[in-house]
Amino acid sequence: MQATVHRFDPDDGSGVVLLDTGRALPFSPEVFAGSELRHLRLGQRVSVQVTPADPEDPAARVERLWIVGIGAGEAIR
């Protein structure tokens, strides 16, 4: 699923993404650290994995964040 970076704190690695539906979902410093990225910029498009799978579920959270083609196992297609 695609999202847009809405907020990012480079000091602790936390932030918020906006899903294409307009819903804002926060991500933790641990999720950012697992992405193997060094920085995110506002407005940047990213791929996210949300748990549970329904992003409109009130308990939804970002479990994984990445940019296609960057990081281990991410081939550019």
C-alpha atoms as a PDB file:
ATOM      1  CA  MET A   1       0.000   0.000   0.000  1.00  0.00           C
ATOM      2  CA  GLN A   2       1.266   3.494  -0.802  1.00  0.00           C
ATOM      3  CA  ALA A   3       1.379   6.465   1.570  1.00  0.00           C
ATOM      4  CA  THR A   4       2.865   9.954   1.795  1.00  0.00           C
ATOM      5  CA  VAL A   5       5.165  11.161   4.566  1.00  0.00           C
ATOM      6  CA  HIS A   6       3.209  13.755   6.548  1.00  0.00           C
ATOM      7  CA  ARG A   7       5.583  14.249   9.501  1.00  0.00           C
ATOM      8  CA  PHE A   8       9.039  12.935  10.325  1.00  0.00           C
ATOM      9  CA  ASP A   9      11.248  13.556  13.365  1.00  0.00           C
ATOM     10  CA  PRO A  10      14.847  12.848  12.311  1.00  0.00           C
ATOM     11  CA  ASP A  11      15.989  12.965  15.929  1.00  0.00           C
ATOM     12  CA  ASP A  12      14.015   9.911  17.047  1.00  0.00           C
ATOM     13  CA  GLY A  13      12.850   8.369  13.739  1.00  0.00           C
ATOM     14  CA  SER A  14       9.121   8.587  14.427  1.00  0.00           C
ATOM     15  CA  GLY A  15       6.585  10.055  12.074  1.00  0.00           C
ATOM     16  CA  VAL A  16       3.182   9.986  10.447  1.00  0.00           C
ATOM     17  CA  VAL A  17       2.145   8.870   6.984  1.00  0.00           C
ATOM     18  CA  LEU A  18      -1.041   9.746   5.131  1.00  0.00           C
ATOM     19  CA  LEU A  19      -2.710   6.874   3.356  1.00  0.00           C
ATOM     20  CA  ASP A  20      -4.306   7.607  -0.013  1.00  0.00           C
ATOM     21  CA  THR A  21      -7.669   7.533   1.799  1.00  0.00           C
ATOM     22  CA  GLY A  22      -6.560  10.549   3.863  1.00  0.00           C
ATOM     23  CA  ARG A  23      -6.133   8.588   7.082  1.00  0.00           C
ATOM     24  CA  ALA A  24      -3.062   9.491   9.126  1.00  0.00           C
ATOM     25  CA  LEU A  25      -1.152   6.616  10.705  1.00  0.00           C
ATOM     26  CA  PRO A  26       1.876   7.095  12.964  1.00  0.00           C
ATOM     27  CA  PHE A  27       4.999   4.958  12.746  1.00  0.00           C
ATOM     28  CA  SER A  28       7.445   4.256  15.535  1.00  0.00           C
ATOM     29  CA  PRO A  29      11.214   4.749  15.598  1.00  0.00           C
ATOM     30  CA  GLU A  30      11.542   0.949  15.428  1.00  0.00           C
ATOM     31  CA  VAL A  31       9.596   0.831  12.153  1.00  0.00           C
ATOM     32  CA  PHE A  32      11.829   3.536  10.685  1.00  0.00           C
ATOM     33  CA  ALA A  33      15.006   1.790  11.889  1.00  0.00           C
ATOM     34  CA  GLY A  34      13.821  -1.441  10.245  1.00  0.00           C
ATOM     35  CA  SER A  35      13.390   0.378   6.931  1.00  0.00           C
ATOM     36  CA  GLU A  36      17.168   0.817   6.552  1.00  0.00           C
ATOM     37  CA  LEU A  37      16.491   4.374   5.363  1.00  0.00           C
ATOM     38  CA  ARG A  38      18.499   7.294   6.714  1.00  0.00           C
ATOM     39  CA  HIS A  39      15.984  10.097   6.248  1.00  0.00           C
ATOM     40  CA  LEU A  40      12.487  10.844   4.970  1.00  0.00           C
ATOM     41  CA  ARG A  41      11.254  14.110   3.527  1.00  0.00           C
ATOM     42  CA  LEU A  42       7.753  15.523   3.797  1.00  0.00           C
ATOM     43  CA  GLY A  43       5.646  14.598   0.784  1.00  0.00           C
ATOM     44  CA  GLN A  44       7.802  11.580  -0.063  1.00  0.00           C
ATOM     45  CA  ARG A  45       5.917   8.524  -1.313  1.00  0.00           C
ATOM     46  CA  VAL A  46       6.600   5.311   0.583  1.00  0.00           C
ATOM     47  CA  SER A  47       5.205   1.802   0.714  1.00  0.00           C
ATOM     48  CA  VAL A  48       3.732   0.661   4.018  1.00  0.00           C
ATOM     49  CA  GLN A  49       2.447  -2.552   5.488  1.00  0.00           C
ATOM     50  CA  VAL A  50      -0.395  -1.993   7.933  1.00  0.00           C
ATOM     51  CA  THR A  51      -1.589  -4.343  10.674  1.00  0.00           C
ATOM     52  CA  PRO A  52      -4.387  -5.363  10.771  1.00  0.00           C
ATOM     53  CA  ALA A  53      -4.711  -5.515   6.992  1.00  0.00           C
ATOM     54  CA  ASP A  54      -7.718  -3.151   6.964  1.00  0.00           C
ATOM     55  CA  PRO A  55      -6.189   0.336   7.275  1.00  0.00           C
ATOM     56  CA  GLU A  56      -9.553   1.755   8.371  1.00  0.00           C
ATOM     57  CA  ASP A  57      -9.566  -0.472  11.460  1.00  0.00           C
ATOM     58  CA  PRO A  58      -9.153   1.819  14.517  1.00  0.00           C
ATOM     59  CA  ALA A  59      -6.313  -0.429  15.745  1.00  0.00           C
ATOM     60  CA  ALA A  60      -4.383  -0.139  12.454  1.00  0.00           C
ATOM     61  CA  ARG A  61      -0.706   0.689  12.728  1.00  0.00           C
ATOM     62  CA  VAL A  62       2.260   0.859  10.382  1.00  0.00           C
ATOM     63  CA  GLU A  63       4.241  -2.358  10.741  1.00  0.00           C
ATOM     64  CA  ARG A  64       6.720  -1.839   7.893  1.00  0.00           C
ATOM     65  CA  LEU A  65       7.839   1.140   5.828  1.00  0.00           C
ATOM     66  CA  TRP A  66      10.056   1.088   2.739  1.00  0.00           C
ATOM     67  CA  ILE A  67      10.845   2.627  -0.624  1.00  0.00           C
ATOM     68  CA  VAL A  68      10.734   0.166  -3.507  1.00  0.00           C
ATOM     69  CA  GLY A  69      14.275  -0.564  -4.648  1.00  0.00           C
ATOM     70  CA  ILE A  70      15.999   0.583  -1.444  1.00  0.00           C
ATOM     71  CA  GLY A  71      17.135  -1.855   1.220  1.00  0.00           C
ATOM     72  CA  ALA A  72      17.834  -5.549   1.522  1.00  0.00           C
ATOM     73  CA  GLY A  73      15.778  -7.654  -0.867  1.00  0.00           C
ATOM     74  CA  GLU A  74      14.224  -4.629  -2.596  1.00  0.00           C
ATOM     75  CA  ALA A  75      14.917  -4.905  -6.299  1.00  0.00           C
ATOM     76  CA  ILE A  76      13.962  -2.013  -8.572  1.00  0.00           C
ATOM     77  CA  ARG A  77      11.279  -3.254 -10.953  1.00  0.00           C
END
